[in-house]
Amino acid sequence: MVSLEQHLTDAACDEKLKELILLLSQQAKPIKDAFVENQDYAGTTNMHGDNQMELDKWADEHLIKILRESQLIKTIASEEQEDIIEVITPDNSGFGVTLDPLDGSSLIAVNLAVGTIIGIYGNGDVLEKGKNMKAAAYILYGPLTVLVYTIKNGVHEFVLNDSGEFVLLRENITMPEGKLYSPGGLKKDHTEKHAKFIQKLEENGHKLRYSGSFVADFHQILRYGGIFSYPALKEKEDGKLRLLFEANPIGFIARQAGGEVSTGLKDILEITPTSIDQRVPIYVGNKSKIKDLEEHMKEDMKDEKEELRGVYDDE
């Protein structure tokens, strides 16, 4: 079977980028092995106010240590850290890496799938548009441990075998048209626009599949088709998910698989980040569904403007 290393070599991947992707892939086993002894809450919160699991902190510290020692990295931005970490390298160069060390970590206690999300930028600056990434990947820890990556040459999936090596499972993945939908956020907090869109999906026979792990929920959209959403909420117009750590890497992978990603009004990968904790509403999935969504959202905006114009005209 084709190994991850061989696949990267055959794809003519830049040698340093290949070294970095392989290094990150090698951390899947130690992170998975740490699940058993790190299932409690740590009694701390991260910069976003989220309660941290012990494994959140362990995975974060472990990945940062490995990346620091690699001499491949100039900057690291982690969901668990308040600031961008600057790394001194011999020639003051290196990649910029964004990390969600353990997405969905609270699900470990109930034995559901969780993941690690990775974005890689070429010039060491992580505050760039998502479309400028050199590579993106995620590792999903479920019944199988799988790694999905792209270096802008398609999307490829690997499975961790008994020897601790990632081997090819599927390559050049194209997201199929499908009828799954994964709606984040409490229903009572959904805006009217979003609620109407979800209603349309349900009327068209879409099936709800939502676990609370973004990686796991997106992975099934990648496999079976459909749409994931964590929208703008009534009291949180920017939604919940972070641009750097979640939306950009997953959106980058989706687009390489023939899918699309949007805030509902614009392309997420065209947004220039203003801070590492920036949040965005996100819709990611089949291109046709994202197009329908954007048309729906823009049509609703047009209706609202016409209603307001009518009110002012009456005055």
C-alpha atoms as a PDB file:
ATOM      1  CA  MET A   1       0.000   0.000   0.000  1.00  0.00           C
ATOM      2  CA  VAL A   2       1.098   3.582  -0.634  1.00  0.00           C
ATOM      3  CA  SER A   3       2.444   5.347   2.447  1.00  0.00           C
ATOM      4  CA  LEU A   4       1.848   9.002   3.206  1.00  0.00           C
ATOM      5  CA  GLU A   5       5.538   9.683   2.646  1.00  0.00           C
ATOM      6  CA  GLN A   6       5.491   7.998  -0.778  1.00  0.00           C
ATOM      7  CA  HIS A   7       2.307   9.826  -1.727  1.00  0.00           C
ATOM      8  CA  LEU A   8       3.866  13.196  -0.880  1.00  0.00           C
ATOM      9  CA  THR A   9       7.001  12.278  -2.819  1.00  0.00           C
ATOM     10  CA  ASP A  10       4.992  11.205  -5.866  1.00  0.00           C
ATOM     11  CA  ALA A  11       3.102  14.516  -5.685  1.00  0.00           C
ATOM     12  CA  ALA A  12       6.430  16.399  -5.931  1.00  0.00           C
ATOM     13  CA  CYS A  13       5.738  18.038  -2.566  1.00  0.00           C
ATOM     14  CA  ASP A  14       8.334  20.577  -1.447  1.00  0.00           C
ATOM     15  CA  GLU A  15      10.817  18.720   0.770  1.00  0.00           C
ATOM     16  CA  LYS A  16      10.388  20.936   3.829  1.00  0.00           C
ATOM     17  CA  LEU A  17       6.609  20.883   3.517  1.00  0.00           C
ATOM     18  CA  LYS A  18       6.749  17.098   3.218  1.00  0.00           C
ATOM     19  CA  GLU A  19       8.907  16.908   6.320  1.00  0.00           C
ATOM     20  CA  LEU A  20       6.425  19.068   8.240  1.00  0.00           C
ATOM     21  CA  ILE A  21       3.343  17.076   7.161  1.00  0.00           C
ATOM     22  CA  LEU A  22       5.068  13.805   8.070  1.00  0.00           C
ATOM     23  CA  LEU A  23       6.136  15.223  11.445  1.00  0.00           C
ATOM     24  CA  LEU A  24       2.572  16.254  12.242  1.00  0.00           C
ATOM     25  CA  SER A  25       1.209  12.896  11.085  1.00  0.00           C
ATOM     26  CA  GLN A  26       3.561  11.134  13.488  1.00  0.00           C
ATOM     27  CA  GLN A  27       1.838  12.851  16.421  1.00  0.00           C
ATOM     28  CA  ALA A  28      -1.469  11.033  15.813  1.00  0.00           C
ATOM     29  CA  LYS A  29      -0.431   7.964  17.788  1.00  0.00           C
ATOM     30  CA  PRO A  30       0.900   9.742  20.907  1.00  0.00           C
ATOM     31  CA  ILE A  31      -2.182  11.968  21.001  1.00  0.00           C
ATOM     32  CA  LYS A  32      -4.526   8.979  20.661  1.00  0.00           C
ATOM     33  CA  ASP A  33      -2.530   7.084  23.310  1.00  0.00           C
ATOM     34  CA  ALA A  34      -2.979  10.018  25.704  1.00  0.00           C
ATOM     35  CA  PHE A  35      -6.801   9.729  25.621  1.00  0.00           C
ATOM     36  CA  VAL A  36      -7.051   7.214  28.472  1.00  0.00           C
ATOM     37  CA  GLU A  37      -5.277   9.264  31.149  1.00  0.00           C
ATOM     38  CA  ASN A  38      -6.520  12.727  30.155  1.00  0.00           C
ATOM     39  CA  GLN A  39     -10.325  12.585  30.182  1.00  0.00           C
ATOM     40  CA  ASP A  40     -11.097  15.126  32.941  1.00  0.00           C
ATOM     41  CA  TYR A  41     -11.571  18.868  32.711  1.00  0.00           C
ATOM     42  CA  ALA A  42      -8.390  20.759  33.558  1.00  0.00           C
ATOM     43  CA  GLY A  43     -10.167  23.474  35.580  1.00  0.00           C
ATOM     44  CA  THR A  44      -8.954  26.146  33.159  1.00  0.00           C
ATOM     45  CA  THR A  45     -10.342  27.980  30.146  1.00  0.00           C
ATOM     46  CA  ASN A  46      -8.684  28.925  26.888  1.00  0.00           C
ATOM     47  CA  MET A  47      -8.581  32.412  25.397  1.00  0.00           C
ATOM     48  CA  HIS A  48     -12.089  31.971  23.994  1.00  0.00           C
ATOM     49  CA  GLY A  49     -13.598  31.149  27.386  1.00  0.00           C
ATOM     50  CA  ASP A  50     -14.019  27.438  26.604  1.00  0.00           C
ATOM     51  CA  ASN A  51     -13.441  24.936  29.406  1.00  0.00           C
ATOM     52  CA  GLN A  52     -10.286  22.975  28.677  1.00  0.00           C
ATOM     53  CA  MET A  53      -9.999  19.214  28.913  1.00  0.00           C
ATOM     54  CA  GLU A  54      -6.720  17.893  30.251  1.00  0.00           C
ATOM     55  CA  LEU A  55      -6.125  16.456  26.798  1.00  0.00           C
ATOM     56  CA  ASP A  56      -6.654  19.880  25.180  1.00  0.00           C
ATOM     57  CA  LYS A  57      -3.707  21.178  27.169  1.00  0.00           C
ATOM     58  CA  TRP A  58      -1.618  18.047  26.686  1.00  0.00           C
ATOM     59  CA  ALA A  59      -2.110  17.958  22.911  1.00  0.00           C
ATOM     60  CA  ASP A  60      -1.475  21.696  22.619  1.00  0.00           C
ATOM     61  CA  GLU A  61       1.772  21.557  24.613  1.00  0.00           C
ATOM     62  CA  HIS A  62       2.916  18.421  22.810  1.00  0.00           C
ATOM     63  CA  LEU A  63       2.360  19.793  19.305  1.00  0.00           C
ATOM     64  CA  ILE A  64       3.941  23.156  20.095  1.00  0.00           C
ATOM     65  CA  LYS A  65       7.019  21.433  21.560  1.00  0.00           C
ATOM     66  CA  ILE A  66       7.412  19.194  18.499  1.00  0.00           C
ATOM     67  CA  LEU A  67       6.994  22.130  16.105  1.00  0.00           C
ATOM     68  CA  ARG A  68       9.429  24.348  18.025  1.00  0.00           C
ATOM     69  CA  GLU A  69      12.099  21.656  17.882  1.00  0.00           C
ATOM     70  CA  SER A  70      11.623  20.995  14.170  1.00  0.00           C
ATOM     71  CA  GLN A  71      13.269  24.240  12.961  1.00  0.00           C
ATOM     72  CA  LEU A  72      10.666  24.228  10.183  1.00  0.00           C
ATOM     73  CA  ILE A  73       8.327  26.733  11.809  1.00  0.00           C
ATOM     74  CA  LYS A  74       8.431  30.513  12.106  1.00  0.00           C
ATOM     75  CA  THR A  75       5.036  31.073  13.753  1.00  0.00           C
ATOM     76  CA  ILE A  76       2.439  28.925  15.513  1.00  0.00           C
ATOM     77  CA  ALA A  77      -1.124  29.956  16.273  1.00  0.00           C
ATOM     78  CA  SER A  78      -3.069  27.544  18.460  1.00  0.00           C
ATOM     79  CA  GLU A  79      -6.683  27.712  19.554  1.00  0.00           C
ATOM     80  CA  GLU A  80      -5.444  27.121  23.106  1.00  0.00           C
ATOM     81  CA  GLN A  81      -2.987  30.062  23.124  1.00  0.00           C
ATOM     82  CA  GLU A  82      -3.668  33.789  23.518  1.00  0.00           C
ATOM     83  CA  ASP A  83      -0.935  34.985  21.179  1.00  0.00           C
ATOM     84  CA  ILE A  84       0.937  33.898  18.080  1.00  0.00           C
ATOM     85  CA  ILE A  85       4.087  32.013  19.070  1.00  0.00           C
ATOM     86  CA  GLU A  86       7.211  33.268  17.341  1.00  0.00           C
ATOM     87  CA  VAL A  87       9.911  30.649  16.782  1.00  0.00           C
ATOM     88  CA  ILE A  88      13.539  31.591  16.167  1.00  0.00           C
ATOM     89  CA  THR A  89      14.981  29.598  13.276  1.00  0.00           C
ATOM     90  CA  PRO A  90      18.580  29.635  11.975  1.00  0.00           C
ATOM     91  CA  ASP A  91      17.697  31.639   8.863  1.00  0.00           C
ATOM     92  CA  ASN A  92      14.630  33.438  10.307  1.00  0.00           C
ATOM     93  CA  SER A  93      12.330  31.616   7.913  1.00  0.00           C
ATOM     94  CA  GLY A  94       9.812  28.805   8.107  1.00  0.00           C
ATOM     95  CA  PHE A  95       6.152  27.935   7.837  1.00  0.00           C
ATOM     96  CA  GLY A  96       3.260  29.425   9.720  1.00  0.00           C
ATOM     97  CA  VAL A  97       1.038  26.784  11.304  1.00  0.00           C
ATOM     98  CA  THR A  98      -2.457  27.043  12.776  1.00  0.00           C
ATOM     99  CA  LEU A  99      -3.666  24.356  15.150  1.00  0.00           C
ATOM    100  CA  ASP A 100      -6.875  23.230  16.701  1.00  0.00           C
ATOM    101  CA  PRO A 101      -5.055  20.565  18.740  1.00  0.00           C
ATOM    102  CA  LEU A 102      -8.168  18.635  19.721  1.00  0.00           C
ATOM    103  CA  ASP A 103     -11.468  19.635  18.181  1.00  0.00           C
ATOM    104  CA  GLY A 104     -14.493  18.217  20.042  1.00  0.00           C
ATOM    105  CA  SER A 105     -12.398  17.052  23.012  1.00  0.00           C
ATOM    106  CA  SER A 106     -15.384  16.916  25.404  1.00  0.00           C
ATOM    107  CA  LEU A 107     -16.643  13.940  23.351  1.00  0.00           C
ATOM    108  CA  ILE A 108     -13.717  11.746  24.406  1.00  0.00           C
ATOM    109  CA  ALA A 109     -15.493  10.905  27.674  1.00  0.00           C
ATOM    110  CA  VAL A 110     -18.397   9.383  25.704  1.00  0.00           C
ATOM    111  CA  ASN A 111     -16.147   7.709  23.118  1.00  0.00           C
ATOM    112  CA  LEU A 112     -17.159   9.779  20.092  1.00  0.00           C
ATOM    113  CA  ALA A 113     -14.800  10.892  17.325  1.00  0.00           C
ATOM    114  CA  VAL A 114     -12.610  13.983  17.764  1.00  0.00           C
ATOM    115  CA  GLY A 115      -9.869  15.491  15.658  1.00  0.00           C
ATOM    116  CA  THR A 116      -6.847  17.720  15.097  1.00  0.00           C
ATOM    117  CA  ILE A 117      -7.095  20.506  12.477  1.00  0.00           C
ATOM    118  CA  ILE A 118      -3.986  21.949  10.787  1.00  0.00           C
ATOM    119  CA  GLY A 119      -3.377  24.872   8.432  1.00  0.00           C
ATOM    120  CA  ILE A 120       0.045  25.572   6.888  1.00  0.00           C
ATOM    121  CA  TYR A 121       1.173  28.896   5.378  1.00  0.00           C
ATOM    122  CA  GLY A 122       4.330  29.264   3.329  1.00  0.00           C
ATOM    123  CA  ASN A 123       5.824  32.555   4.468  1.00  0.00           C
ATOM    124  CA  GLY A 124       5.423  32.225   8.222  1.00  0.00           C
ATOM    125  CA  ASP A 125       2.448  34.585   8.478  1.00  0.00           C
ATOM    126  CA  VAL A 126      -0.759  32.961   9.760  1.00  0.00           C
ATOM    127  CA  LEU A 127      -2.811  36.179   9.484  1.00  0.00           C
ATOM    128  CA  GLU A 128      -3.340  35.640   5.772  1.00  0.00           C
ATOM    129  CA  LYS A 129      -6.341  34.811   3.658  1.00  0.00           C
ATOM    130  CA  GLY A 130      -7.187  31.126   3.824  1.00  0.00           C
ATOM    131  CA  LYS A 131      -6.766  30.755   0.063  1.00  0.00           C
ATOM    132  CA  ASN A 132      -3.030  31.425   0.552  1.00  0.00           C
ATOM    133  CA  MET A 133      -2.411  28.251   2.540  1.00  0.00           C
ATOM    134  CA  LYS A 134       0.182  25.847   1.199  1.00  0.00           C
ATOM    135  CA  ALA A 135      -1.518  22.864   2.804  1.00  0.00           C
ATOM    136  CA  ALA A 136      -4.274  21.856   5.173  1.00  0.00           C
ATOM    137  CA  ALA A 137      -4.993  18.614   6.996  1.00  0.00           C
ATOM    138  CA  TYR A 138      -6.961  17.019   9.745  1.00  0.00           C
ATOM    139  CA  ILE A 139      -6.579  13.856  11.779  1.00  0.00           C
ATOM    140  CA  LEU A 140      -9.780  12.123  12.890  1.00  0.00           C
ATOM    141  CA  TYR A 141      -9.567   9.819  15.900  1.00  0.00           C
ATOM    142  CA  GLY A 142     -12.498   7.412  15.573  1.00  0.00           C
ATOM    143  CA  PRO A 143     -12.908   3.645  15.092  1.00  0.00           C
ATOM    144  CA  LEU A 144     -10.084   4.222  12.607  1.00  0.00           C
ATOM    145  CA  THR A 145      -7.497   6.983  12.887  1.00  0.00           C
ATOM    146  CA  VAL A 146      -7.464   8.747   9.539  1.00  0.00           C
ATOM    147  CA  LEU A 147      -5.553  11.682   8.095  1.00  0.00           C
ATOM    148  CA  VAL A 148      -6.939  13.838   5.279  1.00  0.00           C
ATOM    149  CA  TYR A 149      -4.638  16.313   3.554  1.00  0.00           C
ATOM    150  CA  THR A 150      -4.275  18.569   0.560  1.00  0.00           C
ATOM    151  CA  ILE A 151      -1.318  20.448  -0.875  1.00  0.00           C
ATOM    152  CA  LYS A 152      -3.580  21.927  -3.562  1.00  0.00           C
ATOM    153  CA  ASN A 153      -3.356  18.788  -5.681  1.00  0.00           C
ATOM    154  CA  GLY A 154      -6.601  17.129  -4.617  1.00  0.00           C
ATOM    155  CA  VAL A 155      -7.741  15.684  -1.303  1.00  0.00           C
ATOM    156  CA  HIS A 156      -6.402  12.373  -0.054  1.00  0.00           C
ATOM    157  CA  GLU A 157      -7.278  10.134   2.899  1.00  0.00           C
ATOM    158  CA  PHE A 158      -4.942   7.828   4.816  1.00  0.00           C
ATOM    159  CA  VAL A 159      -5.527   5.335   7.624  1.00  0.00           C
ATOM    160  CA  LEU A 160      -3.168   4.541  10.496  1.00  0.00           C
ATOM    161  CA  ASN A 161      -2.223   0.845  10.291  1.00  0.00           C
ATOM    162  CA  ASP A 162      -1.043  -1.551  12.997  1.00  0.00           C
ATOM    163  CA  SER A 163       2.564  -0.562  12.325  1.00  0.00           C
ATOM    164  CA  GLY A 164       1.841   3.075  13.152  1.00  0.00           C
ATOM    165  CA  GLU A 165       2.116   4.225   9.532  1.00  0.00           C
ATOM    166  CA  PHE A 166      -0.459   6.157   7.527  1.00  0.00           C
ATOM    167  CA  VAL A 167      -1.307   4.314   4.293  1.00  0.00           C
ATOM    168  CA  LEU A 168      -3.524   5.416   1.435  1.00  0.00           C
ATOM    169  CA  LEU A 169      -7.253   4.756   1.782  1.00  0.00           C
ATOM    170  CA  ARG A 170      -8.728   7.058  -0.900  1.00  0.00           C
ATOM    171  CA  GLU A 171      -7.142   9.653  -3.171  1.00  0.00           C
ATOM    172  CA  ASN A 172      -8.420  12.523  -5.298  1.00  0.00           C
ATOM    173  CA  ILE A 173     -11.626  12.635  -3.280  1.00  0.00           C
ATOM    174  CA  THR A 174     -14.541  14.476  -4.846  1.00  0.00           C
ATOM    175  CA  MET A 175     -17.330  15.468  -2.499  1.00  0.00           C
ATOM    176  CA  PRO A 176     -20.514  13.833  -3.812  1.00  0.00           C
ATOM    177  CA  GLU A 177     -23.893  15.503  -3.976  1.00  0.00           C
ATOM    178  CA  GLY A 178     -25.684  14.344  -0.865  1.00  0.00           C
ATOM    179  CA  LYS A 179     -28.471  15.036   1.579  1.00  0.00           C
ATOM    180  CA  LEU A 180     -26.837  15.225   4.996  1.00  0.00           C
ATOM    181  CA  TYR A 181     -26.961  18.402   7.022  1.00  0.00           C
ATOM    182  CA  SER A 182     -25.109  19.235  10.240  1.00  0.00           C
ATOM    183  CA  PRO A 183     -26.589  22.339  11.920  1.00  0.00           C
ATOM    184  CA  GLY A 184     -24.588  23.827  14.797  1.00  0.00           C
ATOM    185  CA  GLY A 185     -25.996  26.134  17.462  1.00  0.00           C
ATOM    186  CA  LEU A 186     -29.213  25.916  19.468  1.00  0.00           C
ATOM    187  CA  LYS A 187     -32.329  26.055  17.329  1.00  0.00           C
ATOM    188  CA  LYS A 188     -33.822  28.817  19.501  1.00  0.00           C
ATOM    189  CA  ASP A 189     -30.763  30.990  18.742  1.00  0.00           C
ATOM    190  CA  HIS A 190     -30.944  30.588  14.955  1.00  0.00           C
ATOM    191  CA  THR A 191     -31.795  33.678  12.927  1.00  0.00           C
ATOM    192  CA  GLU A 192     -34.943  33.630  10.833  1.00  0.00           C
ATOM    193  CA  LYS A 193     -32.875  33.495   7.627  1.00  0.00           C
ATOM    194  CA  HIS A 194     -30.943  30.446   8.762  1.00  0.00           C
ATOM    195  CA  ALA A 195     -34.048  28.730  10.134  1.00  0.00           C
ATOM    196  CA  LYS A 196     -35.797  29.120   6.771  1.00  0.00           C
ATOM    197  CA  PHE A 197     -32.809  27.596   4.979  1.00  0.00           C
ATOM    198  CA  ILE A 198     -32.761  24.599   7.339  1.00  0.00           C
ATOM    199  CA  GLN A 199     -36.494  24.184   6.810  1.00  0.00           C
ATOM    200  CA  LYS A 200     -35.906  24.040   3.049  1.00  0.00           C
ATOM    201  CA  LEU A 201     -33.279  21.332   3.522  1.00  0.00           C
ATOM    202  CA  GLU A 202     -35.634  19.269   5.668  1.00  0.00           C
ATOM    203  CA  GLU A 203     -38.478  19.673   3.184  1.00  0.00           C
ATOM    204  CA  ASN A 204     -36.107  18.385   0.489  1.00  0.00           C
ATOM    205  CA  GLY A 205     -35.388  15.210   2.447  1.00  0.00           C
ATOM    206  CA  HIS A 206     -32.039  16.062   4.063  1.00  0.00           C
ATOM    207  CA  LYS A 207     -31.049  13.980   7.102  1.00  0.00           C
ATOM    208  CA  LEU A 208     -29.644  15.587  10.254  1.00  0.00           C
ATOM    209  CA  ARG A 209     -26.219  14.321  11.344  1.00  0.00           C
ATOM    210  CA  TYR A 210     -24.471  16.380  14.046  1.00  0.00           C
ATOM    211  CA  SER A 211     -22.040  15.136  16.707  1.00  0.00           C
ATOM    212  CA  GLY A 212     -20.451  18.312  18.076  1.00  0.00           C
ATOM    213  CA  SER A 213     -17.038  17.516  16.579  1.00  0.00           C
ATOM    214  CA  PHE A 214     -16.432  19.728  13.538  1.00  0.00           C
ATOM    215  CA  VAL A 215     -13.845  17.331  12.102  1.00  0.00           C
ATOM    216  CA  ALA A 216     -16.152  14.323  12.401  1.00  0.00           C
ATOM    217  CA  ASP A 217     -19.163  16.193  11.057  1.00  0.00           C
ATOM    218  CA  PHE A 218     -17.239  17.582   8.104  1.00  0.00           C
ATOM    219  CA  HIS A 219     -15.670  14.188   7.357  1.00  0.00           C
ATOM    220  CA  GLN A 220     -19.077  12.644   6.749  1.00  0.00           C
ATOM    221  CA  ILE A 221     -20.020  15.584   4.499  1.00  0.00           C
ATOM    222  CA  LEU A 222     -16.794  14.975   2.565  1.00  0.00           C
ATOM    223  CA  ARG A 223     -17.700  11.294   2.243  1.00  0.00           C
ATOM    224  CA  TYR A 224     -21.447  11.432   1.646  1.00  0.00           C
ATOM    225  CA  GLY A 225     -22.190  15.011   0.579  1.00  0.00           C
ATOM    226  CA  GLY A 226     -24.395  17.678   2.108  1.00  0.00           C
ATOM    227  CA  ILE A 227     -23.752  20.785   4.164  1.00  0.00           C
ATOM    228  CA  PHE A 228     -22.350  21.669   7.597  1.00  0.00           C
ATOM    229  CA  SER A 229     -23.293  24.947   9.215  1.00  0.00           C
ATOM    230  CA  TYR A 230     -22.493  26.921  12.328  1.00  0.00           C
ATOM    231  CA  PRO A 231     -24.318  30.137  11.460  1.00  0.00           C
ATOM    232  CA  ALA A 232     -24.597  33.650  12.774  1.00  0.00           C
ATOM    233  CA  LEU A 233     -26.791  33.492  15.876  1.00  0.00           C
ATOM    234  CA  LYS A 234     -29.282  36.012  17.244  1.00  0.00           C
ATOM    235  CA  GLU A 235     -26.882  37.145  19.972  1.00  0.00           C
ATOM    236  CA  LYS A 236     -23.636  36.158  18.217  1.00  0.00           C
ATOM    237  CA  GLU A 237     -23.571  37.515  14.685  1.00  0.00           C
ATOM    238  CA  ASP A 238     -20.079  36.076  14.107  1.00  0.00           C
ATOM    239  CA  GLY A 239     -21.105  32.571  15.117  1.00  0.00           C
ATOM    240  CA  LYS A 240     -18.823  30.304  17.151  1.00  0.00           C
ATOM    241  CA  LEU A 241     -16.122  28.751  14.972  1.00  0.00           C
ATOM    242  CA  ARG A 242     -12.727  30.420  14.515  1.00  0.00           C
ATOM    243  CA  LEU A 243     -11.506  31.598  11.148  1.00  0.00           C
ATOM    244  CA  LEU A 244      -7.865  30.572  11.589  1.00  0.00           C
ATOM    245  CA  PHE A 245      -8.200  27.276  13.408  1.00  0.00           C
ATOM    246  CA  GLU A 246     -11.353  25.733  11.999  1.00  0.00           C
ATOM    247  CA  ALA A 247     -13.019  27.556   9.096  1.00  0.00           C
ATOM    248  CA  ASN A 248      -9.985  28.176   6.895  1.00  0.00           C
ATOM    249  CA  PRO A 249      -8.336  24.724   6.963  1.00  0.00           C
ATOM    250  CA  ILE A 250     -11.604  22.818   6.588  1.00  0.00           C
ATOM    251  CA  GLY A 251     -12.844  25.235   3.920  1.00  0.00           C
ATOM    252  CA  PHE A 252      -9.561  24.880   2.039  1.00  0.00           C
ATOM    253  CA  ILE A 253      -9.931  21.090   2.015  1.00  0.00           C
ATOM    254  CA  ALA A 254     -13.581  21.323   0.957  1.00  0.00           C
ATOM    255  CA  ARG A 255     -12.745  23.485  -2.036  1.00  0.00           C
ATOM    256  CA  GLN A 256      -9.986  21.139  -3.146  1.00  0.00           C
ATOM    257  CA  ALA A 257     -12.590  18.352  -3.069  1.00  0.00           C
ATOM    258  CA  GLY A 258     -14.956  20.294  -5.314  1.00  0.00           C
ATOM    259  CA  GLY A 259     -17.001  21.755  -2.467  1.00  0.00           C
ATOM    260  CA  GLU A 260     -17.358  25.318  -1.234  1.00  0.00           C
ATOM    261  CA  VAL A 261     -17.245  27.387   1.966  1.00  0.00           C
ATOM    262  CA  SER A 262     -19.054  30.610   2.828  1.00  0.00           C
ATOM    263  CA  THR A 263     -20.210  32.863   5.637  1.00  0.00           C
ATOM    264  CA  GLY A 264     -23.586  32.785   3.928  1.00  0.00           C
ATOM    265  CA  LEU A 265     -22.771  36.018   2.131  1.00  0.00           C
ATOM    266  CA  LYS A 266     -19.124  35.750   1.071  1.00  0.00           C
ATOM    267  CA  ASP A 267     -16.213  33.394   0.497  1.00  0.00           C
ATOM    268  CA  ILE A 268     -14.500  32.598   3.815  1.00  0.00           C
ATOM    269  CA  LEU A 269     -11.137  31.935   2.138  1.00  0.00           C
ATOM    270  CA  GLU A 270     -11.077  35.557   0.893  1.00  0.00           C
ATOM    271  CA  ILE A 271     -11.259  37.036   4.424  1.00  0.00           C
ATOM    272  CA  THR A 272      -8.072  38.688   5.739  1.00  0.00           C
ATOM    273  CA  PRO A 273      -7.878  37.829   9.460  1.00  0.00           C
ATOM    274  CA  THR A 274      -7.701  40.747  11.890  1.00  0.00           C
ATOM    275  CA  SER A 275      -6.896  38.674  14.990  1.00  0.00           C
ATOM    276  CA  ILE A 276      -6.192  35.064  15.889  1.00  0.00           C
ATOM    277  CA  ASP A 277      -9.482  34.724  17.777  1.00  0.00           C
ATOM    278  CA  GLN A 278     -11.681  35.989  14.922  1.00  0.00           C
ATOM    279  CA  ARG A 279     -14.917  34.044  14.481  1.00  0.00           C
ATOM    280  CA  VAL A 280     -17.040  33.634  11.370  1.00  0.00           C
ATOM    281  CA  PRO A 281     -20.384  32.062  10.502  1.00  0.00           C
ATOM    282  CA  ILE A 282     -19.637  29.040   8.345  1.00  0.00           C
ATOM    283  CA  TYR A 283     -21.424  26.939   5.754  1.00  0.00           C
ATOM    284  CA  VAL A 284     -19.319  24.251   4.096  1.00  0.00           C
ATOM    285  CA  GLY A 285     -20.308  21.452   1.751  1.00  0.00           C
ATOM    286  CA  ASN A 286     -21.570  20.835  -1.763  1.00  0.00           C
ATOM    287  CA  LYS A 287     -21.004  23.749  -4.113  1.00  0.00           C
ATOM    288  CA  SER A 288     -24.632  23.638  -5.276  1.00  0.00           C
ATOM    289  CA  LYS A 289     -25.925  23.910  -1.704  1.00  0.00           C
ATOM    290  CA  ILE A 290     -23.612  26.811  -0.882  1.00  0.00           C
ATOM    291  CA  LYS A 291     -24.831  28.587  -4.010  1.00  0.00           C
ATOM    292  CA  ASP A 292     -28.473  27.994  -2.975  1.00  0.00           C
ATOM    293  CA  LEU A 293     -27.667  29.223   0.520  1.00  0.00           C
ATOM    294  CA  GLU A 294     -26.054  32.462  -0.661  1.00  0.00           C
ATOM    295  CA  GLU A 295     -28.946  33.163  -3.013  1.00  0.00           C
ATOM    296  CA  HIS A 296     -31.380  32.507  -0.155  1.00  0.00           C
ATOM    297  CA  MET A 297     -29.513  34.825   2.231  1.00  0.00           C
ATOM    298  CA  LYS A 298     -29.167  37.613  -0.326  1.00  0.00           C
ATOM    299  CA  GLU A 299     -32.820  37.331  -1.350  1.00  0.00           C
ATOM    300  CA  ASP A 300     -33.881  37.666   2.284  1.00  0.00           C
ATOM    301  CA  MET A 301     -31.671  40.752   2.633  1.00  0.00           C
ATOM    302  CA  LYS A 302     -33.319  42.242  -0.450  1.00  0.00           C
ATOM    303  CA  ASP A 303     -36.772  41.568   1.026  1.00  0.00           C
ATOM    304  CA  GLU A 304     -35.785  43.221   4.319  1.00  0.00           C
ATOM    305  CA  LYS A 305     -34.533  46.321   2.522  1.00  0.00           C
ATOM    306  CA  GLU A 306     -37.766  46.558   0.540  1.00  0.00           C
ATOM    307  CA  GLU A 307     -39.793  46.253   3.748  1.00  0.00           C
ATOM    308  CA  LEU A 308     -37.768  49.013   5.383  1.00  0.00           C
ATOM    309  CA  ARG A 309     -38.110  51.199   2.301  1.00  0.00           C
ATOM    310  CA  GLY A 310     -41.865  50.738   2.495  1.00  0.00           C
ATOM    311  CA  VAL A 311     -41.897  51.819   6.144  1.00  0.00           C
ATOM    312  CA  TYR A 312     -39.915  54.971   5.398  1.00  0.00           C
ATOM    313  CA  ASP A 313     -42.056  55.725   2.348  1.00  0.00           C
ATOM    314  CA  ASP A 314     -45.149  55.596   4.555  1.00  0.00           C
ATOM    315  CA  GLU A 315     -43.607  58.191   6.821  1.00  0.00           C
END
